[in-house]
PDB file of N, CA and C in Angstrom:
ATOM      1  N   UNK A   1     114.713  89.275  98.512  1.00  0.00           N
ATOM      2  CA  UNK A   1     115.993  88.643  98.269  1.00  0.00           C
ATOM      3  C   UNK A   1     116.617  89.180  96.976  1.00  0.00           C
ATOM      4  N   UNK A   2     115.841  89.203  95.912  1.00  0.00           N
ATOM      5  CA  UNK A   2     116.395  89.689  94.645  1.00  0.00           C
ATOM      6  C   UNK A   2     116.699  91.179  94.721  1.00  0.00           C
ATOM      7  N   UNK A   3     115.964  91.907  95.543  1.00  0.00           N
ATOM      8  CA  UNK A   3     116.226  93.332  95.713  1.00  0.00           C
ATOM      9  C   UNK A   3     117.614  93.553  96.319  1.00  0.00           C
ATOM     10  N   UNK A   4     117.988  92.725  97.289  1.00  0.00           N
ATOM     11  CA  UNK A   4     119.328  92.831  97.886  1.00  0.00           C
ATOM     12  C   UNK A   4     120.396  92.491  96.853  1.00  0.00           C
ATOM     13  N   UNK A   5     120.127  91.502  96.023  1.00  0.00           N
ATOM     14  CA  UNK A   5     121.083  91.125  94.987  1.00  0.00           C
ATOM     15  C   UNK A   5     121.292  92.266  93.997  1.00  0.00           C
ATOM     16  N   UNK A   6     120.213  92.898  93.571  1.00  0.00           N
ATOM     17  CA  UNK A   6     120.356  93.988  92.602  1.00  0.00           C
ATOM     18  C   UNK A   6     121.031  95.199  93.225  1.00  0.00           C
ATOM     19  N   UNK A   7     120.781  95.455  94.506  1.00  0.00           N
ATOM     20  CA  UNK A   7     121.487  96.561  95.162  1.00  0.00           C
ATOM     21  C   UNK A   7     122.980  96.289  95.232  1.00  0.00           C
ATOM     22  N   UNK A   8     123.352  95.061  95.514  1.00  0.00           N
ATOM     23  CA  UNK A   8     124.774  94.707  95.520  1.00  0.00           C
ATOM     24  C   UNK A   8     125.390  94.831  94.143  1.00  0.00           C
ATOM     25  N   UNK A   9     124.659  94.419  93.141  1.00  0.00           N
ATOM     26  CA  UNK A   9     125.154  94.521  91.763  1.00  0.00           C
ATOM     27  C   UNK A   9     125.352  95.973  91.373  1.00  0.00           C
ATOM     28  N   UNK A  10     124.373  96.819  91.708  1.00  0.00           N
ATOM     29  CA  UNK A  10     124.489  98.242  91.387  1.00  0.00           C
ATOM     30  C   UNK A  10     125.689  98.858  92.085  1.00  0.00           C
ATOM     31  N   UNK A  11     125.861  98.563  93.355  1.00  0.00           N
ATOM     32  CA  UNK A  11     126.962  99.158  94.113  1.00  0.00           C
ATOM     33  C   UNK A  11     128.309  98.729  93.543  1.00  0.00           C
ATOM     34  N   UNK A  12     128.427  97.478  93.158  1.00  0.00           N
ATOM     35  CA  UNK A  12     129.703  96.988  92.626  1.00  0.00           C
ATOM     36  C   UNK A  12     130.041  97.654  91.298  1.00  0.00           C
ATOM     37  N   UNK A  13     129.093  97.741  90.388  1.00  0.00           N
ATOM     38  CA  UNK A  13     129.374  98.308  89.067  1.00  0.00           C
ATOM     39  C   UNK A  13     129.478  99.823  89.090  1.00  0.00           C
ATOM     40  N   UNK A  14     128.700 100.465  89.942  1.00  0.00           N
ATOM     41  CA  UNK A  14     128.768 101.926  89.995  1.00  0.00           C
ATOM     42  C   UNK A  14     130.034 102.406  90.695  1.00  0.00           C
ATOM     43  N   UNK A  15     130.493 101.673  91.713  1.00  0.00           N
ATOM     44  CA  UNK A  15     131.708 102.078  92.424  1.00  0.00           C
ATOM     45  C   UNK A  15     132.958 101.878  91.585  1.00  0.00           C
ATOM     46  N   UNK A  16     132.960 100.895  90.701  1.00  0.00           N
ATOM     47  CA  UNK A  16     134.127 100.644  89.852  1.00  0.00           C
ATOM     48  C   UNK A  16     134.272 101.682  88.751  1.00  0.00           C
ATOM     49  N   UNK A  17     133.252 102.448  88.498  1.00  0.00           N
ATOM     50  CA  UNK A  17     133.301 103.444  87.439  1.00  0.00           C
ATOM     51  C   UNK A  17     133.049 102.864  86.058  1.00  0.00           C
ATOM     52  N   UNK A  18     132.660 101.593  85.992  1.00  0.00           N
ATOM     53  CA  UNK A  18     132.396 100.964  84.694  1.00  0.00           C
ATOM     54  C   UNK A  18     131.068 101.438  84.112  1.00  0.00           C
ATOM     55  N   UNK A  19     130.118 101.688  84.991  1.00  0.00           N
ATOM     56  CA  UNK A  19     128.799 102.136  84.561  1.00  0.00           C
ATOM     57  C   UNK A  19     128.448 103.379  85.376  1.00  0.00           C
ATOM     58  N   UNK A  20     128.098 104.438  84.688  1.00  0.00           N
ATOM     59  CA  UNK A  20     127.686 105.650  85.402  1.00  0.00           C
ATOM     60  C   UNK A  20     126.222 105.534  85.804  1.00  0.00           C
ATOM     61  N   UNK A  21     125.798 106.401  86.695  1.00  0.00           N
ATOM     62  CA  UNK A  21     124.397 106.391  87.116  1.00  0.00           C
ATOM     63  C   UNK A  21     123.453 106.679  85.968  1.00  0.00           C
ATOM     64  N   UNK A  22     123.866 107.575  85.076  1.00  0.00           N
ATOM     65  CA  UNK A  22     123.027 107.908  83.922  1.00  0.00           C
ATOM     66  C   UNK A  22     122.870 106.705  82.990  1.00  0.00           C
ATOM     67  N   UNK A  23     123.959 105.973  82.771  1.00  0.00           N
ATOM     68  CA  UNK A  23     123.895 104.786  81.911  1.00  0.00           C
ATOM     69  C   UNK A  23     123.016 103.710  82.541  1.00  0.00           C
ATOM     70  N   UNK A  24     123.146 103.532  83.849  1.00  0.00           N
ATOM     71  CA  UNK A  24     122.329 102.542  84.542  1.00  0.00           C
ATOM     72  C   UNK A  24     120.844 102.883  84.402  1.00  0.00           C
ATOM     73  N   UNK A  25     120.500 104.148  84.584  1.00  0.00           N
ATOM     74  CA  UNK A  25     119.101 104.564  84.432  1.00  0.00           C
ATOM     75  C   UNK A  25     118.621 104.405  82.997  1.00  0.00           C
ATOM     76  N   UNK A  26     119.513 104.617  82.036  1.00  0.00           N
ATOM     77  CA  UNK A  26     119.151 104.440  80.637  1.00  0.00           C
ATOM     78  C   UNK A  26     118.805 102.974  80.358  1.00  0.00           C
ATOM     79  N   UNK A  27     119.609 102.060  80.906  1.00  0.00           N
ATOM     80  CA  UNK A  27     119.315 100.640  80.711  1.00  0.00           C
ATOM     81  C   UNK A  27     118.003 100.248  81.393  1.00  0.00           C
ATOM     82  N   UNK A  28     117.709 100.836  82.541  1.00  0.00           N
ATOM     83  CA  UNK A  28     116.437 100.556  83.207  1.00  0.00           C
ATOM     84  C   UNK A  28     115.251 101.011  82.382  1.00  0.00           C
ATOM     85  N   UNK A  29     115.370 102.184  81.769  1.00  0.00           N
ATOM     86  CA  UNK A  29     114.284 102.691  80.926  1.00  0.00           C
ATOM     87  C   UNK A  29     114.118 101.838  79.671  1.00  0.00           C
ATOM     88  N   UNK A  30     115.236 101.415  79.088  1.00  0.00           N
ATOM     89  CA  UNK A  30     115.150 100.554  77.899  1.00  0.00           C
ATOM     90  C   UNK A  30     114.498  99.226  78.256  1.00  0.00           C
ATOM     91  N   UNK A  31     114.837  98.672  79.414  1.00  0.00           N
ATOM     92  CA  UNK A  31     114.251  97.407  79.839  1.00  0.00           C
ATOM     93  C   UNK A  31     112.733  97.549  79.998  1.00  0.00           C
ATOM     94  N   UNK A  32     112.300  98.643  80.608  1.00  0.00           N
ATOM     95  CA  UNK A  32     110.865  98.862  80.778  1.00  0.00           C
ATOM     96  C   UNK A  32     110.137  98.990  79.455  1.00  0.00           C
ATOM     97  N   UNK A  33     110.724  99.719  78.520  1.00  0.00           N
ATOM     98  CA  UNK A  33     110.102  99.896  77.207  1.00  0.00           C
ATOM     99  C   UNK A  33     110.007  98.570  76.464  1.00  0.00           C
ATOM    100  N   UNK A  34     111.073  97.798  76.505  1.00  0.00           N
ATOM    101  CA  UNK A  34     111.074  96.493  75.828  1.00  0.00           C
ATOM    102  C   UNK A  34     110.031  95.572  76.448  1.00  0.00           C
ATOM    103  N   UNK A  35     109.921  95.565  77.768  1.00  0.00           N
ATOM    104  CA  UNK A  35     108.943  94.697  78.419  1.00  0.00           C
ATOM    105  C   UNK A  35     107.511  95.083  78.048  1.00  0.00           C
ATOM    106  N   UNK A  36     107.255  96.365  77.901  1.00  0.00           N
ATOM    107  CA  UNK A  36     105.903  96.795  77.527  1.00  0.00           C
ATOM    108  C   UNK A  36     105.580  96.361  76.108  1.00  0.00           C
ATOM    109  N   UNK A  37     106.475  96.643  75.163  1.00  0.00           N
ATOM    110  CA  UNK A  37     106.148  96.388  73.761  1.00  0.00           C
ATOM    111  C   UNK A  37     106.305  94.929  73.347  1.00  0.00           C
ATOM    112  N   UNK A  38     107.123  94.154  74.038  1.00  0.00           N
ATOM    113  CA  UNK A  38     107.283  92.748  73.674  1.00  0.00           C
ATOM    114  C   UNK A  38     106.570  91.794  74.630  1.00  0.00           C
ATOM    115  N   UNK A  39     106.039  92.298  75.731  1.00  0.00           N
ATOM    116  CA  UNK A  39     105.362  91.441  76.685  1.00  0.00           C
ATOM    117  C   UNK A  39     103.919  91.807  76.928  1.00  0.00           C
ATOM    118  N   UNK A  40     103.677  93.029  77.331  1.00  0.00           N
ATOM    119  CA  UNK A  40     102.327  93.442  77.728  1.00  0.00           C
ATOM    120  C   UNK A  40     101.414  93.635  76.520  1.00  0.00           C
ATOM    121  N   UNK A  41     101.905  94.291  75.487  1.00  0.00           N
ATOM    122  CA  UNK A  41     101.073  94.573  74.311  1.00  0.00           C
ATOM    123  C   UNK A  41     100.632  93.283  73.611  1.00  0.00           C
ATOM    124  N   UNK A  42     101.539  92.316  73.317  1.00  0.00           N
ATOM    125  CA  UNK A  42     101.056  91.074  72.693  1.00  0.00           C
ATOM    126  C   UNK A  42     100.071  90.308  73.572  1.00  0.00           C
ATOM    127  N   UNK A  43     100.291  90.321  74.878  1.00  0.00           N
ATOM    128  CA  UNK A  43      99.359  89.631  75.768  1.00  0.00           C
ATOM    129  C   UNK A  43      97.992  90.306  75.745  1.00  0.00           C
ATOM    130  N   UNK A  44      97.977  91.626  75.660  1.00  0.00           N
ATOM    131  CA  UNK A  44      96.707  92.352  75.576  1.00  0.00           C
ATOM    132  C   UNK A  44      95.948  92.040  74.302  1.00  0.00           C
ATOM    133  N   UNK A  45      96.649  92.005  73.168  1.00  0.00           N
ATOM    134  CA  UNK A  45      95.996  91.666  71.907  1.00  0.00           C
ATOM    135  C   UNK A  45      95.461  90.239  71.930  1.00  0.00           C
ATOM    136  N   UNK A  46      96.225  89.315  72.490  1.00  0.00           N
ATOM    137  CA  UNK A  46      95.784  87.920  72.542  1.00  0.00           C
ATOM    138  C   UNK A  46      94.553  87.773  73.432  1.00  0.00           C
ATOM    139  N   UNK A  47      94.563  88.417  74.584  1.00  0.00           N
ATOM    140  CA  UNK A  47      93.417  88.311  75.493  1.00  0.00           C
ATOM    141  C   UNK A  47      92.175  88.936  74.870  1.00  0.00           C
ATOM    142  N   UNK A  48      92.334  90.081  74.227  1.00  0.00           N
ATOM    143  CA  UNK A  48      91.195  90.740  73.584  1.00  0.00           C
ATOM    144  C   UNK A  48      90.655  89.881  72.445  1.00  0.00           C
ATOM    145  N   UNK A  49      91.542  89.292  71.645  1.00  0.00           N
ATOM    146  CA  UNK A  49      91.112  88.435  70.541  1.00  0.00           C
ATOM    147  C   UNK A  49      90.411  87.178  71.017  1.00  0.00           C
ATOM    148  N   UNK A  50      90.883  86.595  72.097  1.00  0.00           N
ATOM    149  CA  UNK A  50      90.249  85.390  72.627  1.00  0.00           C
ATOM    150  C   UNK A  50      88.877  85.683  73.216  1.00  0.00           C
ATOM    151  N   UNK A  51      88.650  86.909  73.622  1.00  0.00           N
ATOM    152  CA  UNK A  51      87.344  87.274  74.163  1.00  0.00           C
ATOM    153  C   UNK A  51      86.381  87.708  73.062  1.00  0.00           C
ATOM    154  N   UNK A  52      86.866  88.482  72.093  1.00  0.00           N
ATOM    155  CA  UNK A  52      85.986  89.099  71.104  1.00  0.00           C
ATOM    156  C   UNK A  52      85.639  88.152  69.957  1.00  0.00           C
ATOM    157  N   UNK A  53      86.563  87.333  69.523  1.00  0.00           N
ATOM    158  CA  UNK A  53      86.327  86.479  68.351  1.00  0.00           C
ATOM    159  C   UNK A  53      85.116  85.561  68.521  1.00  0.00           C
ATOM    160  N   UNK A  54      84.953  84.840  69.639  1.00  0.00           N
ATOM    161  CA  UNK A  54      83.729  84.035  69.780  1.00  0.00           C
ATOM    162  C   UNK A  54      82.456  84.882  69.780  1.00  0.00           C
ATOM    163  N   UNK A  55      82.535  86.092  70.309  1.00  0.00           N
ATOM    164  CA  UNK A  55      81.353  86.963  70.285  1.00  0.00           C
ATOM    165  C   UNK A  55      81.011  87.394  68.867  1.00  0.00           C
ATOM    166  N   UNK A  56      82.024  87.641  68.044  1.00  0.00           N
ATOM    167  CA  UNK A  56      81.785  88.096  66.676  1.00  0.00           C
ATOM    168  C   UNK A  56      81.149  87.016  65.811  1.00  0.00           C
ATOM    169  N   UNK A  57      81.533  85.773  66.022  1.00  0.00           N
ATOM    170  CA  UNK A  57      80.981  84.709  65.184  1.00  0.00           C
ATOM    171  C   UNK A  57      79.728  84.087  65.793  1.00  0.00           C
ATOM    172  N   UNK A  58      79.342  84.532  66.973  1.00  0.00           N
ATOM    173  CA  UNK A  58      78.120  84.045  67.598  1.00  0.00           C
ATOM    174  C   UNK A  58      78.267  82.711  68.293  1.00  0.00           C
ATOM    175  N   UNK A  59      79.475  82.304  68.593  1.00  0.00           N
ATOM    176  CA  UNK A  59      79.697  81.027  69.271  1.00  0.00           C
ATOM    177  C   UNK A  59      79.449  81.190  70.772  1.00  0.00           C
ATOM    178  N   UNK A  60      78.923  80.154  71.417  1.00  0.00           N
ATOM    179  CA  UNK A  60      78.706  80.255  72.862  1.00  0.00           C
ATOM    180  C   UNK A  60      80.019  80.220  73.650  1.00  0.00           C
ATOM    181  N   UNK A  61      81.031  79.598  73.079  1.00  0.00           N
ATOM    182  CA  UNK A  61      82.333  79.497  73.746  1.00  0.00           C
ATOM    183  C   UNK A  61      83.396  79.325  72.669  1.00  0.00           C
ATOM    184  N   UNK A  62      84.636  79.233  73.069  1.00  0.00           N
ATOM    185  CA  UNK A  62      85.716  79.018  72.094  1.00  0.00           C
ATOM    186  C   UNK A  62      85.651  77.605  71.537  1.00  0.00           C
ATOM    187  N   UNK A  63      86.268  77.429  70.385  1.00  0.00           N
ATOM    188  CA  UNK A  63      86.252  76.114  69.757  1.00  0.00           C
ATOM    189  C   UNK A  63      87.099  75.118  70.550  1.00  0.00           C
ATOM    190  N   UNK A  64      88.271  75.524  70.981  1.00  0.00           N
ATOM    191  CA  UNK A  64      89.182  74.631  71.695  1.00  0.00           C
ATOM    192  C   UNK A  64      89.663  75.315  72.975  1.00  0.00           C
ATOM    193  N   UNK A  65      88.878  75.280  74.044  1.00  0.00           N
ATOM    194  CA  UNK A  65      89.267  76.015  75.250  1.00  0.00           C
ATOM    195  C   UNK A  65      90.549  75.495  75.896  1.00  0.00           C
ATOM    196  N   UNK A  66      90.789  74.183  75.843  1.00  0.00           N
ATOM    197  CA  UNK A  66      92.020  73.649  76.446  1.00  0.00           C
ATOM    198  C   UNK A  66      93.248  74.071  75.650  1.00  0.00           C
ATOM    199  N   UNK A  67      93.138  74.103  74.338  1.00  0.00           N
ATOM    200  CA  UNK A  67      94.247  74.570  73.506  1.00  0.00           C
ATOM    201  C   UNK A  67      94.496  76.058  73.740  1.00  0.00           C
ATOM    202  N   UNK A  68      93.438  76.807  73.929  1.00  0.00           N
ATOM    203  CA  UNK A  68      93.571  78.231  74.222  1.00  0.00           C
ATOM    204  C   UNK A  68      94.312  78.437  75.539  1.00  0.00           C
ATOM    205  N   UNK A  69      93.963  77.685  76.564  1.00  0.00           N
ATOM    206  CA  UNK A  69      94.647  77.812  77.846  1.00  0.00           C
ATOM    207  C   UNK A  69      96.096  77.348  77.740  1.00  0.00           C
ATOM    208  N   UNK A  70      96.352  76.302  76.960  1.00  0.00           N
ATOM    209  CA  UNK A  70      97.731  75.839  76.774  1.00  0.00           C
ATOM    210  C   UNK A  70      98.571  76.899  76.077  1.00  0.00           C
ATOM    211  N   UNK A  71      98.000  77.584  75.098  1.00  0.00           N
ATOM    212  CA  UNK A  71      98.761  78.633  74.413  1.00  0.00           C
ATOM    213  C   UNK A  71      99.073  79.783  75.359  1.00  0.00           C
ATOM    214  N   UNK A  72      98.181  80.075  76.287  1.00  0.00           N
ATOM    215  CA  UNK A  72      98.440  81.119  77.281  1.00  0.00           C
ATOM    216  C   UNK A  72      99.611  80.733  78.173  1.00  0.00           C
ATOM    217  N   UNK A  73      99.637  79.485  78.653  1.00  0.00           N
ATOM    218  CA  UNK A  73     100.723  79.062  79.538  1.00  0.00           C
ATOM    219  C   UNK A  73     102.046  78.959  78.794  1.00  0.00           C
ATOM    220  N   UNK A  74     102.010  78.565  77.532  1.00  0.00           N
ATOM    221  CA  UNK A  74     103.243  78.527  76.738  1.00  0.00           C
ATOM    222  C   UNK A  74     103.778  79.937  76.535  1.00  0.00           C
ATOM    223  N   UNK A  75     102.879  80.892  76.324  1.00  0.00           N
ATOM    224  CA  UNK A  75     103.310  82.288  76.182  1.00  0.00           C
ATOM    225  C   UNK A  75     103.990  82.774  77.454  1.00  0.00           C
ATOM    226  N   UNK A  76     103.417  82.472  78.602  1.00  0.00           N
ATOM    227  CA  UNK A  76     104.016  82.917  79.861  1.00  0.00           C
ATOM    228  C   UNK A  76     105.343  82.223  80.137  1.00  0.00           C
ATOM    229  N   UNK A  77     105.450  80.963  79.758  1.00  0.00           N
ATOM    230  CA  UNK A  77     106.696  80.230  80.000  1.00  0.00           C
ATOM    231  C   UNK A  77     107.805  80.664  79.051  1.00  0.00           C
ATOM    232  N   UNK A  78     107.426  81.104  77.857  1.00  0.00           N
ATOM    233  CA  UNK A  78     108.428  81.445  76.841  1.00  0.00           C
ATOM    234  C   UNK A  78     108.934  82.807  77.027  1.00  0.00           C
TER     235      UNK A  78
END
């Protein structure tokens, strides 16, 4: 469904001459770069830290597992 919506959006803006194909592709590349550096990388650091920190201090598990899971869901919602 969203794919049809984006195809309609592309056709409308590209046919009007407001956005060229090169500009549209540039915005797509910028969106991908932003999503990697502001979404995937912080999530990777958080997941690695939540796994490694208890191992480093010798704890059998995390101190507050429910708070840890809540912070994960807040990150995804935000």
